[in-house]
Each structure stands twice: as structure tokens, then as C-alpha cells.
Protein backbone atom coordinates (compact mmCIF):
# COMPACT_ATOMS: atom_id res chain seq x y z
CA MET A 1 -35.67 -19.45 -12.06
CA LYS A 2 -37.78 -16.90 -10.75
CA LEU A 3 -35.71 -14.06 -8.84
CA PHE A 4 -36.85 -11.90 -6.08
CA PRO A 5 -34.59 -8.65 -5.80
CA ARG A 6 -34.51 -7.46 -1.57
CA LYS A 7 -32.44 -4.49 -0.43
CA ALA A 8 -29.56 -4.84 2.18
CA PRO A 9 -28.18 -6.25 4.16
CA HIS A 10 -28.21 -9.14 2.67
CA ILE A 11 -27.21 -11.50 5.47
CA ARG A 12 -26.82 -15.54 4.47
CA SER A 13 -29.05 -17.16 6.99
CA ASP A 14 -32.21 -17.89 8.16
CA THR A 15 -31.89 -14.78 10.93
CA SER A 16 -33.53 -11.37 10.08
CA SER A 17 -31.87 -8.24 9.74
CA LYS A 18 -34.37 -7.34 12.82
CA THR A 19 -34.35 -10.28 15.06
CA VAL A 20 -29.92 -9.53 14.75
CA MET A 21 -30.41 -5.74 15.62
CA GLY A 22 -33.17 -6.95 18.64
CA ASP A 23 -30.60 -9.13 19.99
CA ALA A 24 -27.97 -6.98 20.30
CA ILE A 25 -30.46 -4.62 21.71
CA VAL A 26 -31.40 -6.74 24.63
CA THR A 27 -27.82 -7.85 25.28
CA LEU A 28 -26.82 -4.24 25.30
CA ALA A 29 -29.65 -2.92 27.61
CA ALA A 30 -28.20 -5.72 30.36
CA LEU A 31 -24.95 -3.44 30.04
CA TYR A 32 -26.66 -0.30 30.55
CA PHE A 33 -28.66 -1.74 33.83
CA MET A 34 -24.97 -3.14 35.34
CA SER A 35 -23.87 0.38 34.30
CA ALA A 36 -26.27 2.10 36.21
CA CYS A 37 -25.76 -0.14 39.42
CA TYR A 38 -22.22 1.31 39.64
CA TYR A 39 -22.62 4.97 38.22
CA GLY A 40 -26.02 5.76 38.55
CA GLN A 41 -28.59 7.43 36.05
CA ARG A 42 -25.95 8.94 33.96
CA ALA A 43 -25.54 6.22 32.23
CA VAL A 44 -28.49 5.86 31.37
CA ARG A 45 -29.22 9.09 29.97
CA LEU A 46 -25.58 8.98 28.16
CA GLY A 47 -27.22 6.29 26.12
CA LEU A 48 -30.58 7.80 25.64
CA LEU A 49 -28.71 10.68 24.62
CA SER A 50 -26.61 8.48 21.73
CA ILE A 51 -29.69 6.52 20.55
CA ALA A 52 -31.34 9.69 19.86
CA VAL A 53 -28.63 11.55 18.25
CA CYS A 54 -27.71 8.28 16.18
CA TRP A 55 -31.19 7.87 15.31
CA GLY A 56 -32.25 11.36 14.06
CA ALA A 57 -29.02 11.30 12.08
CA ASP A 58 -30.08 8.38 10.21
CA ALA A 59 -33.22 9.33 9.60
CA LEU A 60 -32.59 13.00 8.47
CA CYS A 61 -29.74 11.41 6.09
CA VAL A 62 -32.09 8.85 4.16
CA TRP A 63 -34.70 11.56 4.11
CA LEU A 64 -32.41 13.93 2.18
CA ARG A 65 -31.59 11.26 -0.07
CA GLY A 66 -35.78 11.00 -0.76
CA ARG A 67 -36.59 7.62 0.74
CA LYS A 68 -38.99 6.79 3.02
CA VAL A 69 -37.59 5.99 6.86
CA SER A 70 -38.16 2.88 8.31
CA LEU A 71 -38.94 2.20 11.83
CA ARG A 72 -37.97 -1.44 11.78
CA ASP A 73 -34.43 -0.08 11.06
CA PHE A 74 -32.49 -0.69 14.40
CA SER A 75 -29.12 -0.67 13.45
CA PRO A 76 -28.96 3.34 14.42
CA VAL A 77 -29.98 2.63 17.73
CA VAL A 78 -27.47 -0.32 18.33
CA THR A 79 -24.90 2.01 17.01
CA GLY A 80 -26.13 4.85 19.64
CA MET A 81 -26.36 2.31 22.64
CA ILE A 82 -22.75 1.03 22.01
CA ILE A 83 -20.82 4.12 21.75
CA PRO A 84 -21.29 5.50 25.04
CA LEU A 85 -20.87 2.09 26.68
CA MET A 86 -17.12 2.28 25.46
CA MET A 87 -16.54 5.46 27.19
CA PRO A 88 -15.98 6.61 31.04
CA ALA A 89 -19.37 7.31 32.65
CA GLY A 90 -17.73 10.58 32.96
CA ILE A 91 -17.59 11.53 29.31
CA PRO A 92 -18.76 15.16 28.40
CA PHE A 93 -22.35 14.96 26.33
CA HIS A 94 -20.57 16.85 23.72
CA ILE A 95 -17.78 14.54 22.79
CA VAL A 96 -20.74 11.28 22.93
CA VAL A 97 -22.46 13.92 20.28
CA VAL A 98 -19.57 14.66 17.98
CA ALA A 99 -18.94 10.53 17.90
CA ASP A 100 -22.20 9.60 17.23
CA LEU A 101 -22.65 12.27 14.39
CA PHE A 102 -19.12 11.27 13.15
CA ALA A 103 -20.37 7.37 13.23
CA ILE A 104 -23.58 8.18 11.04
CA LEU A 105 -22.49 10.95 8.79
CA LEU A 106 -19.25 10.34 7.72
CA VAL A 107 -18.52 5.84 8.50
CA LYS A 108 -22.17 5.05 7.42
CA GLN A 109 -24.15 6.89 5.14
CA PRO A 110 -21.78 7.90 2.69
CA PHE A 111 -21.52 4.28 1.60
CA GLY A 112 -25.53 3.93 1.42
CA GLY A 113 -26.61 3.63 4.53
CA VAL A 114 -27.81 -0.03 6.63
CA GLY A 115 -26.06 -2.89 5.11
CA ASN A 116 -23.64 -0.94 3.13
CA ASN A 117 -21.30 0.35 4.87
CA LEU A 118 -17.34 -0.50 5.22
CA PHE A 119 -16.68 0.15 8.48
CA ASN A 120 -18.35 -0.38 11.44
CA PRO A 121 -19.74 2.89 12.62
CA ALA A 122 -19.24 2.70 16.04
CA ALA A 123 -15.76 2.00 16.15
CA GLY A 124 -15.22 5.02 13.30
CA GLY A 125 -17.35 7.19 16.05
CA LEU A 126 -15.05 6.38 18.82
CA ALA A 127 -11.87 6.08 17.19
CA PHE A 128 -12.48 9.88 16.67
CA ALA A 129 -13.19 10.36 19.64
CA ILE A 130 -10.05 9.01 21.08
CA ALA A 131 -8.04 10.84 18.73
CA CYS A 132 -9.51 13.97 19.39
CA TRP A 133 -10.15 14.03 23.40
CA PRO A 134 -7.29 11.66 24.73
CA ALA A 135 -7.56 12.99 27.91
CA GLN A 136 -11.34 12.80 28.46
CA MET A 137 -11.63 9.27 27.28
CA PHE A 138 -9.54 7.79 29.27
CA SER A 139 -10.38 9.14 32.49
CA TYR A 140 -12.64 6.93 34.03
CA PRO A 141 -15.10 7.66 37.63
CA VAL A 142 -13.90 5.07 40.59
CA PRO A 143 -17.32 2.75 40.52
CA ASN A 144 -20.15 3.45 42.76
CA THR A 145 -19.38 7.12 42.87
CA THR A 146 -22.23 9.74 42.76
CA MET A 147 -21.63 12.19 39.80
CA ASP A 148 -24.02 14.69 38.35
CA LEU A 149 -26.95 14.01 35.82
CA TRP A 150 -26.07 16.30 33.51
CA GLY A 151 -22.86 18.61 34.53
CA GLU A 152 -19.13 17.86 34.47
CA VAL A 153 -17.89 15.46 36.63
CA SER A 154 -15.75 16.95 38.93
CA GLY A 155 -14.92 13.53 41.08
CA SER A 156 -12.33 11.37 42.03
CA VAL A 157 -10.81 9.49 38.54
CA SER A 158 -8.49 6.20 38.32
CA ASN A 159 -6.56 4.64 35.67
CA SER A 160 -7.66 1.54 33.88
CA ALA A 161 -5.83 -1.89 33.82
CA ALA A 162 -5.46 -1.11 29.76
CA TYR A 163 -3.65 2.02 30.93
CA THR A 164 -1.66 -0.20 33.63
CA LEU A 165 -0.83 -2.82 30.80
CA TYR A 166 -0.08 -0.06 28.34
CA ILE A 167 2.62 1.43 30.66
CA GLY A 168 4.42 -2.01 31.68
CA GLY A 169 2.95 -3.00 34.94
CA VAL A 170 0.44 -5.29 36.43
CA PRO A 171 -2.82 -4.21 37.52
CA MET A 172 -3.50 -4.59 41.04
CA GLU A 173 -7.40 -5.82 40.41
CA ASP A 174 -7.79 -9.50 41.43
CA TYR A 175 -8.93 -11.84 39.31
CA THR A 176 -12.88 -11.24 41.41
CA THR A 177 -13.00 -7.93 40.83
CA VAL A 178 -12.26 -8.19 36.94
CA LEU A 179 -15.20 -10.66 37.01
CA LEU A 180 -17.98 -8.62 38.74
CA GLY A 181 -16.85 -5.34 37.16
CA ARG A 182 -15.57 -3.54 40.07
CA GLN A 183 -12.81 -1.75 38.04
CA ALA A 184 -11.93 1.65 36.04
CA GLY A 185 -12.97 1.25 33.00
CA PRO A 186 -15.71 2.09 30.05
CA MET A 187 -18.50 2.25 31.85
CA GLY A 188 -19.77 -0.72 29.40
CA THR A 189 -16.91 -3.26 29.51
CA THR A 190 -15.75 -3.94 32.98
CA CYS A 191 -18.54 -6.45 34.16
CA VAL A 192 -16.80 -9.71 32.49
CA LEU A 193 -19.69 -12.71 33.75
CA VAL A 194 -22.26 -10.51 31.82
CA ILE A 195 -20.41 -9.70 28.90
CA LEU A 196 -19.53 -13.10 28.67
CA ALA A 197 -23.72 -14.36 29.23
CA CYS A 198 -24.42 -11.76 26.34
CA LEU A 199 -21.78 -13.33 24.13
CA LEU A 200 -23.01 -16.84 24.61
CA TYR A 201 -26.66 -15.72 24.05
CA LEU A 202 -26.24 -14.13 20.87
CA ILE A 203 -23.93 -17.53 19.72
CA PHE A 204 -26.51 -19.58 21.22
CA ARG A 205 -29.36 -17.25 19.07
CA GLY A 206 -27.25 -17.48 15.96
CA THR A 207 -27.15 -13.71 15.80
CA VAL A 208 -23.13 -14.04 15.89
CA ARG A 209 -21.08 -16.72 14.47
CA TYR A 210 -18.29 -18.13 16.93
CA GLN A 211 -15.77 -18.52 14.96
CA GLN A 212 -14.96 -14.98 15.02
CA SER A 213 -15.34 -13.89 18.41
CA LEU A 214 -13.77 -16.94 19.90
CA LEU A 215 -11.06 -17.13 17.60
CA LEU A 216 -10.24 -13.59 18.38
CA LEU A 217 -10.09 -14.12 21.91
CA LEU A 218 -8.30 -17.29 21.23
CA THR A 219 -5.57 -15.50 18.95
CA VAL A 220 -5.06 -12.15 21.39
CA ALA A 221 -4.71 -14.63 25.19
CA ALA A 222 -2.03 -17.33 22.98
CA LEU A 223 -0.22 -14.29 22.33
CA SER A 224 -0.30 -12.78 25.10
CA PHE A 225 0.66 -15.81 26.63
CA LEU A 226 3.82 -16.37 24.90
CA PHE A 227 4.64 -12.90 24.29
CA PRO A 228 3.33 -10.59 27.26
CA ARG A 229 3.22 -7.19 28.07
CA GLY A 230 5.16 -5.44 30.68
CA SER A 231 5.22 -7.17 34.06
CA ALA A 232 2.20 -9.34 34.10
CA GLU A 233 3.03 -13.14 32.47
CA GLY A 234 2.08 -16.30 31.48
CA ALA A 235 -1.35 -17.14 32.61
CA ALA A 236 -2.19 -13.79 34.41
CA SER A 237 -1.17 -11.41 31.32
CA ALA A 238 -3.83 -13.69 28.97
CA PHE A 239 -6.11 -13.02 31.70
CA TYR A 240 -5.66 -8.80 31.67
CA GLU A 241 -5.43 -8.76 28.45
CA VAL A 242 -8.68 -10.36 27.33
CA LEU A 243 -11.16 -9.91 30.21
CA ALA A 244 -9.67 -6.45 31.94
CA THR A 245 -9.57 -4.59 28.63
CA PRO A 246 -12.47 -3.85 26.61
CA VAL A 247 -11.08 -6.68 23.79
CA LEU A 248 -13.90 -8.61 25.16
CA PHE A 249 -16.89 -6.45 24.67
CA CYS A 250 -15.84 -5.57 21.33
CA ALA A 251 -15.12 -9.45 20.58
CA ALA A 252 -18.90 -9.50 20.91
CA PHE A 253 -20.67 -6.87 19.91
CA MET A 254 -18.65 -4.95 17.12
CA PHE A 255 -15.69 -7.27 15.22
CA THR A 256 -18.82 -9.84 14.50
CA ASP A 257 -21.01 -6.96 12.50
CA PRO A 258 -22.61 -8.94 10.07
CA VAL A 259 -22.40 -6.13 7.41
CA THR A 260 -18.66 -5.68 8.06
CA SER A 261 -17.14 -9.05 8.68
CA PRO A 262 -16.96 -11.44 6.03
CA CYS A 263 -19.62 -14.00 5.01
CA ARG A 264 -18.06 -17.55 4.20
CA GLY A 265 -16.60 -19.30 6.80
CA ILE A 266 -13.77 -19.91 5.90
CA ALA A 267 -12.99 -16.39 6.01
CA LYS A 268 -14.46 -15.96 9.43
CA GLY A 269 -11.95 -18.25 10.91
CA VAL A 270 -9.19 -16.33 9.20
CA TYR A 271 -10.76 -13.26 10.10
CA GLY A 272 -10.45 -13.76 13.77
CA VAL A 273 -7.23 -14.97 13.74
CA LEU A 274 -5.72 -12.08 11.96
CA GLY A 275 -8.08 -9.43 13.81
CA GLY A 276 -6.36 -11.12 17.18
CA ILE A 277 -2.63 -10.65 16.02
CA VAL A 278 -3.65 -7.25 14.47
CA THR A 279 -5.30 -6.00 18.17
CA VAL A 280 -2.34 -7.62 20.20
CA LEU A 281 0.36 -5.51 17.25
CA PHE A 282 -2.11 -2.03 18.25
CA ALA A 283 -2.04 -2.75 21.78
CA ARG A 284 1.99 -3.06 21.71
CA PHE A 285 2.94 -0.33 19.52
CA GLY A 286 -0.17 2.03 19.42
CA GLY A 287 -0.18 5.49 20.70
CA TYR A 288 -3.50 4.86 23.01
CA GLU A 289 -4.20 2.35 26.07
CA GLN A 290 -7.45 1.43 24.15
CA THR A 291 -7.02 0.66 20.54
CA VAL A 292 -9.14 -2.35 19.51
CA VAL A 293 -11.66 0.18 17.64
CA PHE A 294 -8.91 0.67 15.26
CA ALA A 295 -7.59 -3.28 14.67
CA ILE A 296 -11.71 -3.36 13.92
CA LEU A 297 -11.42 -0.61 11.51
CA LEU A 298 -8.34 -2.26 9.48
CA MET A 299 -10.05 -5.65 9.66
CA ASN A 300 -13.19 -4.26 8.19
CA ALA A 301 -10.85 -3.66 5.24
CA LEU A 302 -9.49 -6.44 4.52
CA ALA A 303 -12.84 -8.18 5.18
CA PRO A 304 -13.73 -7.95 1.25
CA ALA A 305 -10.46 -9.38 0.06
CA LEU A 306 -10.49 -12.31 2.96
CA ASP A 307 -14.17 -13.20 1.37
CA HIS A 308 -12.99 -12.80 -2.28
CA LEU A 309 -9.53 -15.21 -1.19
CA ALA A 310 -11.76 -17.81 0.73
CA GLU A 311 -14.64 -18.11 -2.32
CA GLU A 312 -11.64 -18.64 -4.96
CA TYR A 313 -10.41 -21.50 -2.20
CA ILE A 314 -13.49 -22.90 -2.61
CA THR A 315 -14.19 -22.55 -5.96
CA ARG A 316 -10.57 -24.61 -7.22
CA LYS A 317 -11.40 -26.96 -4.54
CA ARG A 318 -15.00 -27.31 -5.94
CA ARG A 319 -13.43 -27.57 -9.82
CA MET A 320 -10.78 -30.03 -8.21
CA ARG A 321 -13.26 -32.59 -6.70
CA TYR A 322 -15.99 -32.27 -10.07
CA GLY A 323 -12.59 -33.13 -12.16
CA ARG A 324 -11.88 -36.01 -9.65
CA LYS A 325 -15.79 -37.29 -10.31
CA VAL A 326 -15.12 -36.97 -14.11
CA ALA A 327 -11.77 -38.61 -14.40
CA ILE A 328 -13.40 -41.14 -12.18
CA ASP A 329 -16.43 -41.75 -14.33
CA LEU A 330 -14.71 -41.55 -17.79
CA SER A 331 -12.60 -44.80 -16.47
CA GLY A 332 -15.44 -46.50 -15.33
CA GLU A 333 -17.07 -46.13 -19.54
CA ASP A 334 -13.47 -46.86 -20.32
CA ASP A 335 -13.99 -50.66 -18.52
CA PHE A 336 -17.41 -51.17 -19.50
CA GLY A 337 -18.71 -49.25 -22.74
CA THR A 338 -15.03 -50.27 -24.76
CA ASP A 339 -14.66 -53.05 -26.45
CA GLU A 340 -12.73 -55.08 -24.31
CA GLY A 341 -15.36 -54.43 -21.97
CA VAL A 342 -17.96 -56.35 -24.46
CA PRO A 343 -18.58 -59.88 -24.54
CA ALA A 344 -18.07 -61.52 -28.33
CA ALA A 345 -21.49 -63.61 -27.83
CA GLU A 346 -23.58 -59.65 -27.85
CA GLY A 347 -21.89 -59.42 -31.24
CA ALA A 348 -19.55 -55.79 -30.93
CA GLN A 349 -19.16 -54.64 -33.71
CA ASN A 350 -15.50 -53.22 -34.53
CA PRO A 351 -14.79 -49.69 -36.08
């Protein structure tokens, strides 16, 4: 057997890394279009700046390691697109730049670059920005307001539904407002219908595996239904916790990262359920209104262990099946290959 070495990422499917990143870019571009409709050109400029910073930092690290910069590596582009979408449209530009540099220089490249990073770079950059600038990260402009393209945003800001749930209240937005994205929040996570369409597209294309995202959402919904946070109860609690917060966006674009999530199917299922439990726990006991990125980082650290346990379980089951098969074969041989099973006319000889 001849083996052909290949560079990371080693995705165990027929889908290439280029296809995965290309599908992510297409769907994220749709969210930028919606953000531009609600917040104007500032949303697009935030995205372009973030892409440029991420790509430049990634190329610099690759060059410093003495390797050739590949124009086919779209991973820094995806990271650069995700980070501003999880921020308010009025976020100062220097916060976006710092989050980008942290994601590439400290979360991605120290582990070896694309295909080798232990943690999701975008989640790491966002967690750092939340820890350093919580006031700016959670000050959301009202949709359909005019904002300065480059300077500081001085218009009216509003609290998100996640903050209302965090302080134990019930969001004032009705279901239609939430589904259409006419609520205050991170500029790329509020238009629920578009995100759902993007998630279905990624699942249909095979870019993401449905086990992770679906089980994450179902677990968060079930726990929110059984143990509501604040005054919202039952179905209303499940609706707001899943659709009025960044959970849906993260389930579609960050939790399903093929590099930082398990490879085995059974491990993906456990990963999704545990991710939902951790997400709810962070939302209940965390110190910020938006904590799903911290839950993703914790689950990224557990992914190798889940894959190892899944591999041991599959190997044990395979050995058990093989042992039963050998036992059946031996019992059949005992029936037809011994003295009792040989007719006397054939002249069977006894030892």
C-alpha cells in the first residue's frame, strides 16, 4: 500500500478545505448584506478592515516561519468575517483590530496555523474583546439608524434581548421582530431567518455536520424550557434563548468548525449535547450577557478527549463483534470438522 502525505487540515470527507471555507464565505456575505441594510456601509467597512487585518497577520506569521503564503487559504478571511458580525455595528475600529490580532497571533498561529489550532480563532478573539471592553461590546445601536462611517458612533444605543434575559426579565420584542432581525444586538446575529437559511445551506452542502449544531440548539431549548431564566417561561424562554441571542449564529459558524470539533460521529453528538449544557451554564452563571464564545472555547479543549473516548468505544465494539464472529465460526467447525460430524462410511480416523 502506497501512502501519500498531505498537509493539514485533515478533514475526513470528500469535501475539501477550500470548499468548506468558500461555503462559509458565501453565507457570511449574506449576513453582511443584511447588516448593511440595517446599519449602512459601516458594517461592510468593519468586515473589510477585519478581513485585511486577519489575512495580513496570518500571512506575516506564515512568512516568518519560512513557508510560502498560499492565496488559496481562506481561513483568515472566514475569521475576519465572523468577528465583526458578533460585535455591535458601532464598535470602535481599534477593538476589531485588536480582536483580529489576538485571534491570529495568539490563538491560531502558535499551534501551527491552519488545521492545527486547538481553539476557534474567532471565539478566542471575541472572548478577549469581551473581557477587555465589555461596555463597548454590549452597546448596540438601534437598527435603521444613520452612523458615521469611520468615527465614533454617538447615536442612541439599546440593550439586547440577551441582556434582558441576563437580568431576569422578559424581552419586549415579539416573535416577528426577532425572526426578521429588527432588534438590537450583534450586527450579524439578529436576522434569524437568514441565519437559519445559511445553516440549512451548509448542512445540505455537507460543509457542517448536523449532529453538532442541531443537538446544541435542541439541548439549549430543552434546558431553557425546563429551567427558564428570569420571568420568561416554557416555550417563550426556549424561543428567546435560542433565537434572540447569538447561540444560533455560533451554532452555524463557530461551533461546527471542522478543525476544533471532533471527527467521529458519536463524538460529534456528545459534543453537541455537552456544548448545549455548557452554554446554558455559562448563560446562567457567567459574568457577561454574551458567554457562548467562552462555552465554545471550553468545548474546543474537550474535543480531542471526546474523539479519543469515541475511538476506544468503537474499537471495543468492533472487537466484540469480531470475537462473536470467531466464536460462531469455531462452533461451526466443531459441528462439522470433528469425529461426531464425520460419517463412518468416509473412513474417519481416530487419533
